[in-house]
Every structure is written in structure tokens, then in C-alpha cells.
N, C-alpha and C. Protein backbone atom coordinates (compact mmCIF):
# COMPACT_ATOMS: atom_id res chain seq x y z
N MET A 1 -1.86 -3.87 -14.05
CA MET A 1 -1.09 -3.07 -13.13
C MET A 1 0.38 -3.28 -13.42
N SER A 2 1.12 -2.20 -13.33
CA SER A 2 2.55 -2.29 -13.57
C SER A 2 3.30 -1.45 -12.56
N GLY A 3 4.63 -1.48 -12.64
CA GLY A 3 5.43 -0.68 -11.72
C GLY A 3 5.54 -1.31 -10.35
N ILE A 4 5.85 -0.47 -9.39
CA ILE A 4 6.10 -0.93 -8.01
C ILE A 4 4.90 -1.66 -7.43
N ASN A 5 3.69 -1.17 -7.67
CA ASN A 5 2.50 -1.81 -7.09
C ASN A 5 2.36 -3.27 -7.49
N ALA A 6 2.86 -3.62 -8.66
CA ALA A 6 2.73 -5.00 -9.16
C ALA A 6 3.53 -5.99 -8.31
N ILE A 7 4.58 -5.52 -7.62
CA ILE A 7 5.40 -6.45 -6.84
C ILE A 7 5.01 -6.50 -5.36
N LEU A 8 4.02 -5.70 -4.96
CA LEU A 8 3.63 -5.70 -3.55
C LEU A 8 3.00 -7.03 -3.16
N GLU A 9 3.45 -7.56 -2.03
CA GLU A 9 2.95 -8.83 -1.52
C GLU A 9 2.53 -8.66 -0.06
N PRO A 10 1.66 -9.53 0.44
CA PRO A 10 1.27 -9.46 1.84
C PRO A 10 2.50 -9.47 2.76
N GLY A 11 2.45 -8.59 3.75
CA GLY A 11 3.52 -8.49 4.72
C GLY A 11 4.49 -7.35 4.44
N MET A 12 4.52 -6.85 3.18
CA MET A 12 5.41 -5.75 2.85
C MET A 12 4.92 -4.46 3.52
N LEU A 13 5.87 -3.58 3.88
CA LEU A 13 5.54 -2.32 4.51
C LEU A 13 5.58 -1.20 3.47
N VAL A 14 4.57 -0.33 3.52
CA VAL A 14 4.43 0.74 2.53
C VAL A 14 3.97 2.03 3.20
N ARG A 15 4.10 3.12 2.44
CA ARG A 15 3.53 4.41 2.82
C ARG A 15 2.71 4.92 1.65
N HIS A 16 1.66 5.67 1.96
CA HIS A 16 0.86 6.33 0.93
C HIS A 16 1.47 7.72 0.72
N PRO A 17 1.97 8.04 -0.49
CA PRO A 17 2.69 9.30 -0.69
C PRO A 17 1.87 10.55 -0.43
N ALA A 18 0.56 10.49 -0.61
CA ALA A 18 -0.29 11.66 -0.40
C ALA A 18 -0.91 11.71 1.00
N GLN A 19 -0.67 10.67 1.82
CA GLN A 19 -1.27 10.60 3.15
C GLN A 19 -0.22 10.23 4.20
N PRO A 20 0.80 11.05 4.40
CA PRO A 20 1.86 10.68 5.36
C PRO A 20 1.36 10.51 6.79
N ASP A 21 0.24 11.15 7.12
CA ASP A 21 -0.32 11.03 8.47
C ASP A 21 -0.91 9.64 8.72
N TRP A 22 -1.09 8.83 7.70
CA TRP A 22 -1.57 7.47 7.90
C TRP A 22 -0.48 6.57 8.48
N GLY A 23 0.77 6.98 8.38
CA GLY A 23 1.88 6.19 8.90
C GLY A 23 2.23 5.05 7.97
N ILE A 24 3.00 4.13 8.51
CA ILE A 24 3.41 2.94 7.76
C ILE A 24 2.27 1.93 7.75
N GLY A 25 2.10 1.29 6.61
CA GLY A 25 1.06 0.27 6.48
C GLY A 25 1.64 -1.06 6.04
N GLN A 26 0.92 -2.12 6.40
CA GLN A 26 1.34 -3.46 5.99
C GLN A 26 0.35 -3.97 4.94
N VAL A 27 0.89 -4.41 3.80
CA VAL A 27 0.04 -4.93 2.72
C VAL A 27 -0.63 -6.21 3.20
N GLN A 28 -1.95 -6.26 3.02
CA GLN A 28 -2.72 -7.45 3.38
C GLN A 28 -3.00 -8.31 2.15
N SER A 29 -3.27 -7.65 1.01
CA SER A 29 -3.51 -8.39 -0.23
C SER A 29 -3.31 -7.45 -1.41
N ASN A 30 -3.08 -8.04 -2.58
CA ASN A 30 -2.92 -7.31 -3.83
C ASN A 30 -3.57 -8.15 -4.92
N ILE A 31 -4.84 -7.86 -5.19
CA ILE A 31 -5.62 -8.67 -6.12
C ILE A 31 -6.19 -7.76 -7.21
N ALA A 32 -5.81 -8.06 -8.44
CA ALA A 32 -6.33 -7.34 -9.62
C ALA A 32 -6.17 -5.83 -9.48
N GLY A 33 -5.05 -5.39 -8.93
CA GLY A 33 -4.78 -3.97 -8.81
C GLY A 33 -5.40 -3.27 -7.62
N ARG A 34 -6.15 -4.01 -6.82
CA ARG A 34 -6.73 -3.46 -5.60
C ARG A 34 -5.87 -3.93 -4.43
N ILE A 35 -5.24 -2.97 -3.76
CA ILE A 35 -4.27 -3.28 -2.72
C ILE A 35 -4.89 -2.93 -1.37
N THR A 36 -5.02 -3.92 -0.51
CA THR A 36 -5.53 -3.69 0.83
C THR A 36 -4.35 -3.54 1.77
N VAL A 37 -4.34 -2.40 2.49
CA VAL A 37 -3.23 -2.07 3.38
C VAL A 37 -3.80 -1.72 4.75
N ASN A 38 -3.18 -2.23 5.80
CA ASN A 38 -3.55 -1.89 7.17
C ASN A 38 -2.56 -0.84 7.68
N PHE A 39 -3.00 0.42 7.70
CA PHE A 39 -2.14 1.53 8.15
C PHE A 39 -2.25 1.71 9.66
N ARG A 40 -1.12 2.05 10.30
CA ARG A 40 -1.09 2.22 11.76
C ARG A 40 -2.09 3.26 12.25
N GLU A 41 -2.20 4.37 11.53
CA GLU A 41 -3.02 5.48 12.00
C GLU A 41 -4.38 5.59 11.30
N ALA A 42 -4.60 4.84 10.25
CA ALA A 42 -5.85 4.96 9.49
C ALA A 42 -6.64 3.67 9.39
N GLY A 43 -6.05 2.56 9.81
CA GLY A 43 -6.74 1.28 9.71
C GLY A 43 -6.65 0.68 8.31
N LYS A 44 -7.58 -0.20 8.01
CA LYS A 44 -7.56 -0.94 6.75
C LYS A 44 -8.14 -0.09 5.62
N ILE A 45 -7.34 0.10 4.58
CA ILE A 45 -7.73 0.90 3.42
C ILE A 45 -7.52 0.07 2.16
N VAL A 46 -8.47 0.12 1.23
CA VAL A 46 -8.32 -0.51 -0.07
C VAL A 46 -7.93 0.58 -1.07
N ILE A 47 -6.82 0.37 -1.75
CA ILE A 47 -6.26 1.37 -2.66
C ILE A 47 -6.32 0.84 -4.08
N GLU A 48 -6.78 1.69 -4.98
CA GLU A 48 -6.79 1.34 -6.40
C GLU A 48 -5.39 1.59 -6.94
N GLY A 49 -4.67 0.54 -7.23
CA GLY A 49 -3.26 0.63 -7.63
C GLY A 49 -3.01 1.39 -8.92
N SER A 50 -4.02 1.55 -9.75
CA SER A 50 -3.84 2.31 -11.00
C SER A 50 -3.87 3.82 -10.74
N HIS A 51 -4.31 4.24 -9.56
CA HIS A 51 -4.40 5.66 -9.23
C HIS A 51 -3.31 6.14 -8.29
N VAL A 52 -2.78 5.23 -7.46
CA VAL A 52 -1.80 5.60 -6.44
C VAL A 52 -0.63 4.62 -6.50
N VAL A 53 0.59 5.15 -6.53
CA VAL A 53 1.77 4.31 -6.45
C VAL A 53 2.29 4.40 -5.03
N LEU A 54 2.23 3.31 -4.29
CA LEU A 54 2.67 3.28 -2.91
C LEU A 54 4.21 3.26 -2.83
N ASP A 55 4.72 3.81 -1.75
CA ASP A 55 6.16 3.80 -1.50
C ASP A 55 6.50 2.62 -0.60
N ILE A 56 7.47 1.82 -1.01
CA ILE A 56 7.92 0.69 -0.18
C ILE A 56 8.83 1.23 0.93
N VAL A 57 8.61 0.72 2.14
CA VAL A 57 9.42 1.12 3.30
C VAL A 57 10.53 0.09 3.46
N ASN A 58 11.77 0.53 3.46
CA ASN A 58 12.91 -0.38 3.55
C ASN A 58 13.57 -0.33 4.91
N ASP A 59 12.93 0.28 5.90
CA ASP A 59 13.54 0.41 7.23
C ASP A 59 13.62 -0.91 7.95
């Protein structure tokens, strides 16, 4: 895994670029390119980091 997803750590806030209705999510884990995120509106989702580049929330 490379790019932004490689630096994601537990506690960081992110958005899924293709699913804005999920709201802001908090990274729970990032293991071997599989990123588990707890989204406010969608709950816990496991994302394959090689298919989706998450947006970091800097608010």
C-alpha cells in the first residue's frame, strides 16, 4: 500500500470520497492495506486500501 492510506493510523478522521453520506469516520486499524473505519452514519466498514483512497479530515 502506498500514498495517503499508508499513513492512516487509529484515531485519524477520514471521509470516503465516493460515500459522502457516510459522514466522517475514525480509523480503527490499518493492517496490510485493510482499513477499518467507524463512520458516523454507516458504522464500522472495512475498506480495501488498494481500491479506495480515503480523504483525511483536517477540521
